[in-house]
Amino acid sequence: MLAAKKTVEDLIRQSSEQAEGHAIVLLPMTDTIEAVIFDLAKAGIRAIHVDHKADVDVALIRRRLKLSRRQFALWYGLEEETIKGWESGERTPDTAAKSYLRAISNRPEAVREAYAHTK
């Protein structure tokens, strides 16, 4: 684990100029994801698991933000009919849309502000 820690630290150091001290590392699956994250934490490395294939509950995100479909669409540059299709299960967000929806879910104000700045 110490060799892995050194490798990750080297990656973070190398990427610090571009990614502000973050690195994306694909790890082989040797244990459960939770066990790997726990072991990395013991070594002083904060890790998160990002599952790009996981489903996103669009209706839950929208309701949590207390927005109508129309408001959600306007605030985040989406089509109201697309949102309706996602929520009804008639359509499924693609990988890029899922990533965008996760960003909205995690940082709604920051995403709205970033979307509004179109320079």
PDB file of N, CA and C in Angstrom:
ATOM      1  N   MET A   1       0.825  -1.189   0.000  1.00  0.00           N
ATOM      2  CA  MET A   1       0.000   0.000   0.000  1.00  0.00           C
ATOM      3  C   MET A   1       0.872   1.257   0.000  1.00  0.00           C
ATOM      4  N   LEU A   2       2.039   1.208   0.656  1.00  0.00           N
ATOM      5  CA  LEU A   2       2.907   2.382   0.676  1.00  0.00           C
ATOM      6  C   LEU A   2       3.430   2.714  -0.719  1.00  0.00           C
ATOM      7  N   ALA A   3       3.718   1.708  -1.527  1.00  0.00           N
ATOM      8  CA  ALA A   3       4.156   1.966  -2.900  1.00  0.00           C
ATOM      9  C   ALA A   3       3.037   2.618  -3.697  1.00  0.00           C
ATOM     10  N   ALA A   4       1.815   2.150  -3.472  1.00  0.00           N
ATOM     11  CA  ALA A   4       0.665   2.758  -4.151  1.00  0.00           C
ATOM     12  C   ALA A   4       0.491   4.202  -3.712  1.00  0.00           C
ATOM     13  N   LYS A   5       0.685   4.474  -2.414  1.00  0.00           N
ATOM     14  CA  LYS A   5       0.570   5.842  -1.902  1.00  0.00           C
ATOM     15  C   LYS A   5       1.597   6.741  -2.580  1.00  0.00           C
ATOM     16  N   LYS A   6       2.832   6.270  -2.697  1.00  0.00           N
ATOM     17  CA  LYS A   6       3.877   7.067  -3.338  1.00  0.00           C
ATOM     18  C   LYS A   6       3.524   7.331  -4.795  1.00  0.00           C
ATOM     19  N   THR A   7       3.009   6.336  -5.488  1.00  0.00           N
ATOM     20  CA  THR A   7       2.624   6.503  -6.885  1.00  0.00           C
ATOM     21  C   THR A   7       1.518   7.535  -7.023  1.00  0.00           C
ATOM     22  N   VAL A   8       0.512   7.449  -6.171  1.00  0.00           N
ATOM     23  CA  VAL A   8      -0.595   8.403  -6.219  1.00  0.00           C
ATOM     24  C   VAL A   8      -0.093   9.803  -5.876  1.00  0.00           C
ATOM     25  N   GLU A   9       0.751   9.922  -4.871  1.00  0.00           N
ATOM     26  CA  GLU A   9       1.298  11.235  -4.516  1.00  0.00           C
ATOM     27  C   GLU A   9       2.088  11.829  -5.672  1.00  0.00           C
ATOM     28  N   ASP A  10       2.859  10.996  -6.378  1.00  0.00           N
ATOM     29  CA  ASP A  10       3.604  11.466  -7.547  1.00  0.00           C
ATOM     30  C   ASP A  10       2.651  11.952  -8.637  1.00  0.00           C
ATOM     31  N   LEU A  11       1.570  11.213  -8.855  1.00  0.00           N
ATOM     32  CA  LEU A  11       0.576  11.631  -9.846  1.00  0.00           C
ATOM     33  C   LEU A  11      -0.049  12.970  -9.469  1.00  0.00           C
ATOM     34  N   ILE A  12      -0.379  13.125  -8.206  1.00  0.00           N
ATOM     35  CA  ILE A  12      -0.983  14.376  -7.743  1.00  0.00           C
ATOM     36  C   ILE A  12       0.004  15.523  -7.918  1.00  0.00           C
ATOM     37  N   ARG A  13       1.241  15.296  -7.558  1.00  0.00           N
ATOM     38  CA  ARG A  13       2.270  16.329  -7.705  1.00  0.00           C
ATOM     39  C   ARG A  13       2.428  16.725  -9.170  1.00  0.00           C
ATOM     40  N   GLN A  14       2.455  15.736 -10.060  1.00  0.00           N
ATOM     41  CA  GLN A  14       2.612  15.997 -11.489  1.00  0.00           C
ATOM     42  C   GLN A  14       1.408  16.733 -12.071  1.00  0.00           C
ATOM     43  N   SER A  15       0.228  16.470 -11.537  1.00  0.00           N
ATOM     44  CA  SER A  15      -0.980  17.071 -12.089  1.00  0.00           C
ATOM     45  C   SER A  15      -1.380  18.360 -11.379  1.00  0.00           C
ATOM     46  N   SER A  16      -0.613  18.780 -10.391  1.00  0.00           N
ATOM     47  CA  SER A  16      -1.027  19.922  -9.568  1.00  0.00           C
ATOM     48  C   SER A  16      -1.212  21.196 -10.372  1.00  0.00           C
ATOM     49  N   GLU A  17      -0.439  21.388 -11.422  1.00  0.00           N
ATOM     50  CA  GLU A  17      -0.582  22.598 -12.226  1.00  0.00           C
ATOM     51  C   GLU A  17      -1.890  22.603 -13.005  1.00  0.00           C
ATOM     52  N   GLN A  18      -2.310  21.463 -13.500  1.00  0.00           N
ATOM     53  CA  GLN A  18      -3.518  21.391 -14.315  1.00  0.00           C
ATOM     54  C   GLN A  18      -4.770  21.106 -13.499  1.00  0.00           C
ATOM     55  N   ALA A  19      -4.677  20.333 -12.455  1.00  0.00           N
ATOM     56  CA  ALA A  19      -5.882  19.872 -11.754  1.00  0.00           C
ATOM     57  C   ALA A  19      -5.902  20.275 -10.290  1.00  0.00           C
ATOM     58  N   GLU A  20      -5.103  21.243  -9.904  1.00  0.00           N
ATOM     59  CA  GLU A  20      -5.112  21.763  -8.544  1.00  0.00           C
ATOM     60  C   GLU A  20      -4.964  20.672  -7.487  1.00  0.00           C
ATOM     61  N   GLY A  21      -3.994  19.771  -7.681  1.00  0.00           N
ATOM     62  CA  GLY A  21      -3.709  18.759  -6.679  1.00  0.00           C
ATOM     63  C   GLY A  21      -4.619  17.553  -6.693  1.00  0.00           C
ATOM     64  N   HIS A  22      -5.296  17.310  -7.789  1.00  0.00           N
ATOM     65  CA  HIS A  22      -6.157  16.139  -7.917  1.00  0.00           C
ATOM     66  C   HIS A  22      -5.592  15.230  -8.992  1.00  0.00           C
ATOM     67  N   ALA A  23      -5.868  13.960  -8.878  1.00  0.00           N
ATOM     68  CA  ALA A  23      -5.462  13.006  -9.901  1.00  0.00           C
ATOM     69  C   ALA A  23      -6.571  11.985 -10.080  1.00  0.00           C
ATOM     70  N   ILE A  24      -6.707  11.515 -11.288  1.00  0.00           N
ATOM     71  CA  ILE A  24      -7.648  10.435 -11.579  1.00  0.00           C
ATOM     72  C   ILE A  24      -6.811   9.196 -11.801  1.00  0.00           C
ATOM     73  N   VAL A  25      -7.098   8.178 -11.026  1.00  0.00           N
ATOM     74  CA  VAL A  25      -6.317   6.955 -11.089  1.00  0.00           C
ATOM     75  C   VAL A  25      -7.276   5.789 -11.249  1.00  0.00           C
ATOM     76  N   LEU A  26      -7.051   4.982 -12.268  1.00  0.00           N
ATOM     77  CA  LEU A  26      -7.846   3.771 -12.444  1.00  0.00           C
ATOM     78  C   LEU A  26      -7.130   2.645 -11.719  1.00  0.00           C
ATOM     79  N   LEU A  27      -7.808   2.061 -10.752  1.00  0.00           N
ATOM     80  CA  LEU A  27      -7.203   1.002  -9.946  1.00  0.00           C
ATOM     81  C   LEU A  27      -7.771  -0.350 -10.354  1.00  0.00           C
ATOM     82  N   PRO A  28      -6.943  -1.377 -10.354  1.00  0.00           N
ATOM     83  CA  PRO A  28      -7.480  -2.707 -10.625  1.00  0.00           C
ATOM     84  C   PRO A  28      -8.378  -3.122  -9.466  1.00  0.00           C
ATOM     85  N   MET A  29      -9.399  -3.872  -9.776  1.00  0.00           N
ATOM     86  CA  MET A  29     -10.331  -4.299  -8.744  1.00  0.00           C
ATOM     87  C   MET A  29      -9.761  -5.537  -8.066  1.00  0.00           C
ATOM     88  N   THR A  30      -9.202  -5.344  -6.883  1.00  0.00           N
ATOM     89  CA  THR A  30      -8.627  -6.454  -6.141  1.00  0.00           C
ATOM     90  C   THR A  30      -9.413  -6.742  -4.881  1.00  0.00           C
ATOM     91  N   ASP A  31     -10.239  -5.815  -4.491  1.00  0.00           N
ATOM     92  CA  ASP A  31     -11.005  -5.913  -3.264  1.00  0.00           C
ATOM     93  C   ASP A  31     -12.300  -5.156  -3.512  1.00  0.00           C
ATOM     94  N   THR A  32     -13.072  -4.936  -2.493  1.00  0.00           N
ATOM     95  CA  THR A  32     -14.241  -4.094  -2.680  1.00  0.00           C
ATOM     96  C   THR A  32     -13.782  -2.647  -2.826  1.00  0.00           C
ATOM     97  N   ILE A  33     -14.567  -1.846  -3.488  1.00  0.00           N
ATOM     98  CA  ILE A  33     -14.238  -0.434  -3.661  1.00  0.00           C
ATOM     99  C   ILE A  33     -14.086   0.237  -2.299  1.00  0.00           C
ATOM    100  N   GLU A  34     -14.985  -0.088  -1.387  1.00  0.00           N
ATOM    101  CA  GLU A  34     -14.939   0.508  -0.056  1.00  0.00           C
ATOM    102  C   GLU A  34     -13.637   0.166   0.663  1.00  0.00           C
ATOM    103  N   ALA A  35     -13.155  -1.067   0.499  1.00  0.00           N
ATOM    104  CA  ALA A  35     -11.905  -1.478   1.147  1.00  0.00           C
ATOM    105  C   ALA A  35     -10.712  -0.721   0.576  1.00  0.00           C
ATOM    106  N   VAL A  36     -10.699  -0.525  -0.735  1.00  0.00           N
ATOM    107  CA  VAL A  36      -9.600   0.219  -1.354  1.00  0.00           C
ATOM    108  C   VAL A  36      -9.620   1.669  -0.876  1.00  0.00           C
ATOM    109  N   ILE A  37     -10.799   2.286  -0.848  1.00  0.00           N
ATOM    110  CA  ILE A  37     -10.917   3.670  -0.369  1.00  0.00           C
ATOM    111  C   ILE A  37     -10.484   3.759   1.091  1.00  0.00           C
ATOM    112  N   PHE A  38     -10.867   2.781   1.901  1.00  0.00           N
ATOM    113  CA  PHE A  38     -10.470   2.754   3.313  1.00  0.00           C
ATOM    114  C   PHE A  38      -8.953   2.643   3.448  1.00  0.00           C
ATOM    115  N   ASP A  39      -8.339   1.731   2.677  1.00  0.00           N
ATOM    116  CA  ASP A  39      -6.886   1.570   2.733  1.00  0.00           C
ATOM    117  C   ASP A  39      -6.168   2.839   2.287  1.00  0.00           C
ATOM    118  N   LEU A  40      -6.665   3.483   1.249  1.00  0.00           N
ATOM    119  CA  LEU A  40      -6.066   4.739   0.801  1.00  0.00           C
ATOM    120  C   LEU A  40      -6.190   5.814   1.879  1.00  0.00           C
ATOM    121  N   ALA A  41      -7.336   5.854   2.559  1.00  0.00           N
ATOM    122  CA  ALA A  41      -7.537   6.833   3.637  1.00  0.00           C
ATOM    123  C   ALA A  41      -6.544   6.593   4.766  1.00  0.00           C
ATOM    124  N   LYS A  42      -6.297   5.324   5.091  1.00  0.00           N
ATOM    125  CA  LYS A  42      -5.308   5.013   6.124  1.00  0.00           C
ATOM    126  C   LYS A  42      -3.923   5.493   5.721  1.00  0.00           C
ATOM    127  N   ALA A  43      -3.661   5.532   4.409  1.00  0.00           N
ATOM    128  CA  ALA A  43      -2.367   5.990   3.914  1.00  0.00           C
ATOM    129  C   ALA A  43      -2.340   7.509   3.713  1.00  0.00           C
ATOM    130  N   GLY A  44      -3.433   8.168   4.078  1.00  0.00           N
ATOM    131  CA  GLY A  44      -3.474   9.630   3.990  1.00  0.00           C
ATOM    132  C   GLY A  44      -3.940  10.175   2.657  1.00  0.00           C
ATOM    133  N   ILE A  45      -4.574   9.329   1.842  1.00  0.00           N
ATOM    134  CA  ILE A  45      -5.057   9.756   0.531  1.00  0.00           C
ATOM    135  C   ILE A  45      -6.583   9.736   0.533  1.00  0.00           C
ATOM    136  N   ARG A  46      -7.174  10.891   0.218  1.00  0.00           N
ATOM    137  CA  ARG A  46      -8.639  10.976   0.113  1.00  0.00           C
ATOM    138  C   ARG A  46      -9.040  10.481  -1.268  1.00  0.00           C
ATOM    139  N   ALA A  47      -9.897   9.487  -1.321  1.00  0.00           N
ATOM    140  CA  ALA A  47     -10.331   8.918  -2.590  1.00  0.00           C
ATOM    141  C   ALA A  47     -11.849   8.853  -2.627  1.00  0.00           C
ATOM    142  N   ILE A  48     -12.402   9.008  -3.812  1.00  0.00           N
ATOM    143  CA  ILE A  48     -13.839   8.832  -4.013  1.00  0.00           C
ATOM    144  C   ILE A  48     -14.038   7.896  -5.196  1.00  0.00           C
ATOM    145  N   HIS A  49     -15.141   7.225  -5.205  1.00  0.00           N
ATOM    146  CA  HIS A  49     -15.487   6.337  -6.304  1.00  0.00           C
ATOM    147  C   HIS A  49     -16.519   7.031  -7.183  1.00  0.00           C
ATOM    148  N   VAL A  50     -16.230   7.108  -8.458  1.00  0.00           N
ATOM    149  CA  VAL A  50     -17.163   7.702  -9.409  1.00  0.00           C
ATOM    150  C   VAL A  50     -17.609   6.600 -10.359  1.00  0.00           C
ATOM    151  N   ASP A  51     -18.886   6.282 -10.312  1.00  0.00           N
ATOM    152  CA  ASP A  51     -19.451   5.262 -11.194  1.00  0.00           C
ATOM    153  C   ASP A  51     -20.213   5.976 -12.304  1.00  0.00           C
ATOM    154  N   HIS A  52     -19.582   6.095 -13.461  1.00  0.00           N
ATOM    155  CA  HIS A  52     -20.184   6.833 -14.568  1.00  0.00           C
ATOM    156  C   HIS A  52     -21.401   6.133 -15.155  1.00  0.00           C
ATOM    157  N   LYS A  53     -21.581   4.869 -14.824  1.00  0.00           N
ATOM    158  CA  LYS A  53     -22.709   4.116 -15.373  1.00  0.00           C
ATOM    159  C   LYS A  53     -23.921   4.105 -14.442  1.00  0.00           C
ATOM    160  N   ALA A  54     -23.750   4.592 -13.217  1.00  0.00           N
ATOM    161  CA  ALA A  54     -24.841   4.565 -12.247  1.00  0.00           C
ATOM    162  C   ALA A  54     -26.006   5.434 -12.715  1.00  0.00           C
ATOM    163  N   ASP A  55     -27.203   4.991 -12.394  1.00  0.00           N
ATOM    164  CA  ASP A  55     -28.397   5.748 -12.753  1.00  0.00           C
ATOM    165  C   ASP A  55     -28.471   7.050 -11.969  1.00  0.00           C
ATOM    166  N   VAL A  56     -29.184   8.016 -12.548  1.00  0.00           N
ATOM    167  CA  VAL A  56     -29.394   9.312 -11.921  1.00  0.00           C
ATOM    168  C   VAL A  56     -30.902   9.531 -11.827  1.00  0.00           C
ATOM    169  N   ASP A  57     -31.395   9.882 -10.650  1.00  0.00           N
ATOM    170  CA  ASP A  57     -32.815  10.138 -10.454  1.00  0.00           C
ATOM    171  C   ASP A  57     -33.087  11.627 -10.685  1.00  0.00           C
ATOM    172  N   VAL A  58     -33.458  11.955 -11.914  1.00  0.00           N
ATOM    173  CA  VAL A  58     -33.648  13.346 -12.314  1.00  0.00           C
ATOM    174  C   VAL A  58     -34.779  13.989 -11.513  1.00  0.00           C
ATOM    175  N   ALA A  59     -35.879  13.284 -11.339  1.00  0.00           N
ATOM    176  CA  ALA A  59     -37.012  13.841 -10.594  1.00  0.00           C
ATOM    177  C   ALA A  59     -36.615  14.162  -9.159  1.00  0.00           C
ATOM    178  N   LEU A  60     -35.835  13.285  -8.542  1.00  0.00           N
ATOM    179  CA  LEU A  60     -35.386  13.522  -7.170  1.00  0.00           C
ATOM    180  C   LEU A  60     -34.510  14.770  -7.092  1.00  0.00           C
ATOM    181  N   ILE A  61     -33.581  14.924  -8.030  1.00  0.00           N
ATOM    182  CA  ILE A  61     -32.722  16.112  -8.053  1.00  0.00           C
ATOM    183  C   ILE A  61     -33.577  17.363  -8.198  1.00  0.00           C
ATOM    184  N   ARG A  62     -34.484  17.345  -9.164  1.00  0.00           N
ATOM    185  CA  ARG A  62     -35.328  18.504  -9.424  1.00  0.00           C
ATOM    186  C   ARG A  62     -36.208  18.853  -8.229  1.00  0.00           C
ATOM    187  N   ARG A  63     -36.815  17.844  -7.616  1.00  0.00           N
ATOM    188  CA  ARG A  63     -37.669  18.094  -6.441  1.00  0.00           C
ATOM    189  C   ARG A  63     -36.855  18.611  -5.267  1.00  0.00           C
ATOM    190  N   ARG A  64     -35.666  18.064  -5.078  1.00  0.00           N
ATOM    191  CA  ARG A  64     -34.811  18.531  -3.992  1.00  0.00           C
ATOM    192  C   ARG A  64     -34.466  20.013  -4.163  1.00  0.00           C
ATOM    193  N   LEU A  65     -34.320  20.441  -5.415  1.00  0.00           N
ATOM    194  CA  LEU A  65     -34.028  21.840  -5.705  1.00  0.00           C
ATOM    195  C   LEU A  65     -35.290  22.709  -5.726  1.00  0.00           C
ATOM    196  N   LYS A  66     -36.458  22.048  -5.577  1.00  0.00           N
ATOM    197  CA  LYS A  66     -37.760  22.741  -5.565  1.00  0.00           C
ATOM    198  C   LYS A  66     -37.983  23.533  -6.851  1.00  0.00           C
ATOM    199  N   LEU A  67     -37.714  22.863  -7.984  1.00  0.00           N
ATOM    200  CA  LEU A  67     -37.881  23.495  -9.292  1.00  0.00           C
ATOM    201  C   LEU A  67     -38.897  22.726 -10.122  1.00  0.00           C
ATOM    202  N   SER A  68     -39.684  23.457 -10.900  1.00  0.00           N
ATOM    203  CA  SER A  68     -40.559  22.811 -11.878  1.00  0.00           C
ATOM    204  C   SER A  68     -39.677  22.297 -13.013  1.00  0.00           C
ATOM    205  N   ARG A  69     -40.237  21.467 -13.871  1.00  0.00           N
ATOM    206  CA  ARG A  69     -39.467  20.998 -15.022  1.00  0.00           C
ATOM    207  C   ARG A  69     -39.023  22.178 -15.867  1.00  0.00           C
ATOM    208  N   ARG A  70     -39.904  23.129 -16.032  1.00  0.00           N
ATOM    209  CA  ARG A  70     -39.595  24.316 -16.850  1.00  0.00           C
ATOM    210  C   ARG A  70     -38.436  25.103 -16.233  1.00  0.00           C
ATOM    211  N   GLN A  71     -38.501  25.334 -14.919  1.00  0.00           N
ATOM    212  CA  GLN A  71     -37.426  26.067 -14.243  1.00  0.00           C
ATOM    213  C   GLN A  71     -36.102  25.308 -14.352  1.00  0.00           C
ATOM    214  N   PHE A  72     -36.154  24.012 -14.097  1.00  0.00           N
ATOM    215  CA  PHE A  72     -34.953  23.176 -14.167  1.00  0.00           C
ATOM    216  C   PHE A  72     -34.333  23.268 -15.562  1.00  0.00           C
ATOM    217  N   ALA A  73     -35.182  23.172 -16.579  1.00  0.00           N
ATOM    218  CA  ALA A  73     -34.717  23.252 -17.960  1.00  0.00           C
ATOM    219  C   ALA A  73     -34.077  24.605 -18.241  1.00  0.00           C
ATOM    220  N   LEU A  74     -34.702  25.674 -17.818  1.00  0.00           N
ATOM    221  CA  LEU A  74     -34.178  27.017 -18.073  1.00  0.00           C
ATOM    222  C   LEU A  74     -32.884  27.271 -17.310  1.00  0.00           C
ATOM    223  N   TRP A  75     -32.839  26.878 -16.055  1.00  0.00           N
ATOM    224  CA  TRP A  75     -31.658  27.144 -15.230  1.00  0.00           C
ATOM    225  C   TRP A  75     -30.424  26.394 -15.719  1.00  0.00           C
ATOM    226  N   TYR A  76     -30.635  25.195 -16.286  1.00  0.00           N
ATOM    227  CA  TYR A  76     -29.487  24.348 -16.615  1.00  0.00           C
ATOM    228  C   TYR A  76     -29.353  24.026 -18.102  1.00  0.00           C
ATOM    229  N   GLY A  77     -30.116  24.729 -18.949  1.00  0.00           N
ATOM    230  CA  GLY A  77     -29.952  24.572 -20.396  1.00  0.00           C
ATOM    231  C   GLY A  77     -30.378  23.231 -20.941  1.00  0.00           C
ATOM    232  N   LEU A  78     -31.462  22.711 -20.409  1.00  0.00           N
ATOM    233  CA  LEU A  78     -31.976  21.422 -20.857  1.00  0.00           C
ATOM    234  C   LEU A  78     -33.341  21.617 -21.511  1.00  0.00           C
ATOM    235  N   GLU A  79     -33.772  20.637 -22.259  1.00  0.00           N
ATOM    236  CA  GLU A  79     -35.101  20.669 -22.868  1.00  0.00           C
ATOM    237  C   GLU A  79     -36.124  20.102 -21.886  1.00  0.00           C
ATOM    238  N   GLU A  80     -37.221  20.809 -21.724  1.00  0.00           N
ATOM    239  CA  GLU A  80     -38.270  20.363 -20.800  1.00  0.00           C
ATOM    240  C   GLU A  80     -38.785  18.970 -21.175  1.00  0.00           C
ATOM    241  N   GLU A  81     -38.950  18.709 -22.468  1.00  0.00           N
ATOM    242  CA  GLU A  81     -39.437  17.399 -22.916  1.00  0.00           C
ATOM    243  C   GLU A  81     -38.429  16.290 -22.606  1.00  0.00           C
ATOM    244  N   THR A  82     -37.158  16.622 -22.680  1.00  0.00           N
ATOM    245  CA  THR A  82     -36.120  15.641 -22.345  1.00  0.00           C
ATOM    246  C   THR A  82     -36.202  15.280 -20.869  1.00  0.00           C
ATOM    247  N   ILE A  83     -36.362  16.292 -20.030  1.00  0.00           N
ATOM    248  CA  ILE A  83     -36.493  16.046 -18.589  1.00  0.00           C
ATOM    249  C   ILE A  83     -37.715  15.169 -18.322  1.00  0.00           C
ATOM    250  N   LYS A  84     -38.816  15.491 -18.962  1.00  0.00           N
ATOM    251  CA  LYS A  84     -40.044  14.700 -18.798  1.00  0.00           C
ATOM    252  C   LYS A  84     -39.794  13.246 -19.210  1.00  0.00           C
ATOM    253  N   GLY A  85     -39.092  13.041 -20.322  1.00  0.00           N
ATOM    254  CA  GLY A  85     -38.784  11.683 -20.780  1.00  0.00           C
ATOM    255  C   GLY A  85     -37.899  10.931 -19.808  1.00  0.00           C
ATOM    256  N   TRP A  86     -36.895  11.626 -19.248  1.00  0.00           N
ATOM    257  CA  TRP A  86     -36.028  10.995 -18.255  1.00  0.00           C
ATOM    258  C   TRP A  86     -36.820  10.602 -17.021  1.00  0.00           C
ATOM    259  N   GLU A  87     -37.671  11.511 -16.560  1.00  0.00           N
ATOM    260  CA  GLU A  87     -38.423  11.245 -15.324  1.00  0.00           C
ATOM    261  C   GLU A  87     -39.460  10.145 -15.503  1.00  0.00           C
ATOM    262  N   SER A  88     -40.031  10.034 -16.689  1.00  0.00           N
ATOM    263  CA  SER A  88     -41.050   9.005 -16.925  1.00  0.00           C
ATOM    264  C   SER A  88     -40.438   7.652 -17.272  1.00  0.00           C
ATOM    265  N   GLY A  89     -39.152   7.644 -17.558  1.00  0.00           N
ATOM    266  CA  GLY A  89     -38.487   6.401 -17.924  1.00  0.00           C
ATOM    267  C   GLY A  89     -38.545   6.106 -19.409  1.00  0.00           C
ATOM    268  N   GLU A  90     -39.144   6.993 -20.187  1.00  0.00           N
ATOM    269  CA  GLU A  90     -39.201   6.797 -21.640  1.00  0.00           C
ATOM    270  C   GLU A  90     -37.833   6.984 -22.282  1.00  0.00           C
ATOM    271  N   ARG A  91     -36.994   7.797 -21.654  1.00  0.00           N
ATOM    272  CA  ARG A  91     -35.648   8.056 -22.149  1.00  0.00           C
ATOM    273  C   ARG A  91     -34.668   7.879 -21.002  1.00  0.00           C
ATOM    274  N   THR A  92     -33.411   7.642 -21.352  1.00  0.00           N
ATOM    275  CA  THR A  92     -32.357   7.497 -20.359  1.00  0.00           C
ATOM    276  C   THR A  92     -31.253   8.491 -20.682  1.00  0.00           C
ATOM    277  N   PRO A  93     -30.786   9.241 -19.692  1.00  0.00           N
ATOM    278  CA  PRO A  93     -29.679  10.159 -19.963  1.00  0.00           C
ATOM    279  C   PRO A  93     -28.435   9.394 -20.416  1.00  0.00           C
ATOM    280  N   ASP A  94     -27.726   9.943 -21.411  1.00  0.00           N
ATOM    281  CA  ASP A  94     -26.471   9.324 -21.818  1.00  0.00           C
ATOM    282  C   ASP A  94     -25.400   9.649 -20.771  1.00  0.00           C
ATOM    283  N   THR A  95     -24.203   9.151 -20.984  1.00  0.00           N
ATOM    284  CA  THR A  95     -23.131   9.316 -19.990  1.00  0.00           C
ATOM    285  C   THR A  95     -22.831  10.785 -19.717  1.00  0.00           C
ATOM    286  N   ALA A  96     -22.775  11.605 -20.753  1.00  0.00           N
ATOM    287  CA  ALA A  96     -22.490  13.032 -20.567  1.00  0.00           C
ATOM    288  C   ALA A  96     -23.606  13.709 -19.776  1.00  0.00           C
ATOM    289  N   ALA A  97     -24.845  13.383 -20.101  1.00  0.00           N
ATOM    290  CA  ALA A  97     -25.981  13.969 -19.376  1.00  0.00           C
ATOM    291  C   ALA A  97     -25.973  13.525 -17.915  1.00  0.00           C
ATOM    292  N   LYS A  98     -25.643  12.259 -17.663  1.00  0.00           N
ATOM    293  CA  LYS A  98     -25.558  11.778 -16.277  1.00  0.00           C
ATOM    294  C   LYS A  98     -24.495  12.551 -15.508  1.00  0.00           C
ATOM    295  N   SER A  99     -23.362  12.785 -16.148  1.00  0.00           N
ATOM    296  CA  SER A  99     -22.295  13.550 -15.483  1.00  0.00           C
ATOM    297  C   SER A  99     -22.769  14.960 -15.171  1.00  0.00           C
ATOM    298  N   TYR A 100     -23.446  15.594 -16.110  1.00  0.00           N
ATOM    299  CA  TYR A 100     -23.965  16.948 -15.907  1.00  0.00           C
ATOM    300  C   TYR A 100     -25.003  16.953 -14.787  1.00  0.00           C
ATOM    301  N   LEU A 101     -25.886  15.972 -14.784  1.00  0.00           N
ATOM    302  CA  LEU A 101     -26.917  15.890 -13.740  1.00  0.00           C
ATOM    303  C   LEU A 101     -26.297  15.645 -12.360  1.00  0.00           C
ATOM    304  N   ARG A 102     -25.227  14.834 -12.298  1.00  0.00           N
ATOM    305  CA  ARG A 102     -24.536  14.634 -11.019  1.00  0.00           C
ATOM    306  C   ARG A 102     -23.910  15.936 -10.538  1.00  0.00           C
ATOM    307  N   ALA A 103     -23.335  16.695 -11.464  1.00  0.00           N
ATOM    308  CA  ALA A 103     -22.752  17.996 -11.098  1.00  0.00           C
ATOM    309  C   ALA A 103     -23.842  18.920 -10.567  1.00  0.00           C
ATOM    310  N   ILE A 104     -24.992  18.931 -11.229  1.00  0.00           N
ATOM    311  CA  ILE A 104     -26.120  19.744 -10.754  1.00  0.00           C
ATOM    312  C   ILE A 104     -26.531  19.289  -9.360  1.00  0.00           C
ATOM    313  N   SER A 105     -26.635  17.991  -9.164  1.00  0.00           N
ATOM    314  CA  SER A 105     -27.049  17.458  -7.872  1.00  0.00           C
ATOM    315  C   SER A 105     -26.072  17.839  -6.761  1.00  0.00           C
ATOM    316  N   ASN A 106     -24.768  17.771  -7.064  1.00  0.00           N
ATOM    317  CA  ASN A 106     -23.744  18.032  -6.051  1.00  0.00           C
ATOM    318  C   ASN A 106     -23.488  19.513  -5.814  1.00  0.00           C
ATOM    319  N   ARG A 107     -23.573  20.332  -6.851  1.00  0.00           N
ATOM    320  CA  ARG A 107     -23.253  21.765  -6.744  1.00  0.00           C
ATOM    321  C   ARG A 107     -24.216  22.585  -7.596  1.00  0.00           C
ATOM    322  N   PRO A 108     -25.508  22.603  -7.272  1.00  0.00           N
ATOM    323  CA  PRO A 108     -26.497  23.253  -8.141  1.00  0.00           C
ATOM    324  C   PRO A 108     -26.223  24.731  -8.407  1.00  0.00           C
ATOM    325  N   GLU A 109     -25.831  25.474  -7.391  1.00  0.00           N
ATOM    326  CA  GLU A 109     -25.582  26.906  -7.581  1.00  0.00           C
ATOM    327  C   GLU A 109     -24.363  27.147  -8.458  1.00  0.00           C
ATOM    328  N   ALA A 110     -23.299  26.395  -8.222  1.00  0.00           N
ATOM    329  CA  ALA A 110     -22.075  26.563  -9.008  1.00  0.00           C
ATOM    330  C   ALA A 110     -22.324  26.213 -10.473  1.00  0.00           C
ATOM    331  N   VAL A 111     -23.085  25.156 -10.737  1.00  0.00           N
ATOM    332  CA  VAL A 111     -23.369  24.764 -12.115  1.00  0.00           C
ATOM    333  C   VAL A 111     -24.243  25.817 -12.782  1.00  0.00           C
ATOM    334  N   ARG A 112     -25.240  26.304 -12.060  1.00  0.00           N
ATOM    335  CA  ARG A 112     -26.113  27.337 -12.633  1.00  0.00           C
ATOM    336  C   ARG A 112     -25.305  28.588 -12.960  1.00  0.00           C
ATOM    337  N   GLU A 113     -24.414  28.969 -12.061  1.00  0.00           N
ATOM    338  CA  GLU A 113     -23.584  30.148 -12.292  1.00  0.00           C
ATOM    339  C   GLU A 113     -22.640  29.922 -13.479  1.00  0.00           C
ATOM    340  N   ALA A 114     -22.037  28.746 -13.546  1.00  0.00           N
ATOM    341  CA  ALA A 114     -21.131  28.440 -14.652  1.00  0.00           C
ATOM    342  C   ALA A 114     -21.894  28.419 -15.974  1.00  0.00           C
ATOM    343  N   TYR A 115     -23.095  27.880 -15.970  1.00  0.00           N
ATOM    344  CA  TYR A 115     -23.907  27.830 -17.192  1.00  0.00           C
ATOM    345  C   TYR A 115     -24.288  29.238 -17.631  1.00  0.00           C
ATOM    346  N   ALA A 116     -24.562  30.133 -16.696  1.00  0.00           N
ATOM    347  CA  ALA A 116     -24.994  31.496 -17.018  1.00  0.00           C
ATOM    348  C   ALA A 116     -23.869  32.314 -17.645  1.00  0.00           C
ATOM    349  N   HIS A 117     -22.628  32.016 -17.330  1.00  0.00           N
ATOM    350  CA  HIS A 117     -21.486  32.745 -17.881  1.00  0.00           C
ATOM    351  C   HIS A 117     -21.108  32.150 -19.221  1.00  0.00           C
ATOM    352  N   THR A 118     -21.504  32.795 -20.281  1.00  0.00           N
ATOM    353  CA  THR A 118     -21.272  32.254 -21.622  1.00  0.00           C
ATOM    354  C   THR A 118     -20.254  33.079 -22.397  1.00  0.00           C
ATOM    355  N   LYS A 119     -19.160  33.448 -21.762  1.00  0.00           N
ATOM    356  CA  LYS A 119     -18.109  34.227 -22.436  1.00  0.00           C
ATOM    357  C   LYS A 119     -17.204  33.333 -23.219  1.00  0.00           C
TER     358      LYS A 119
END
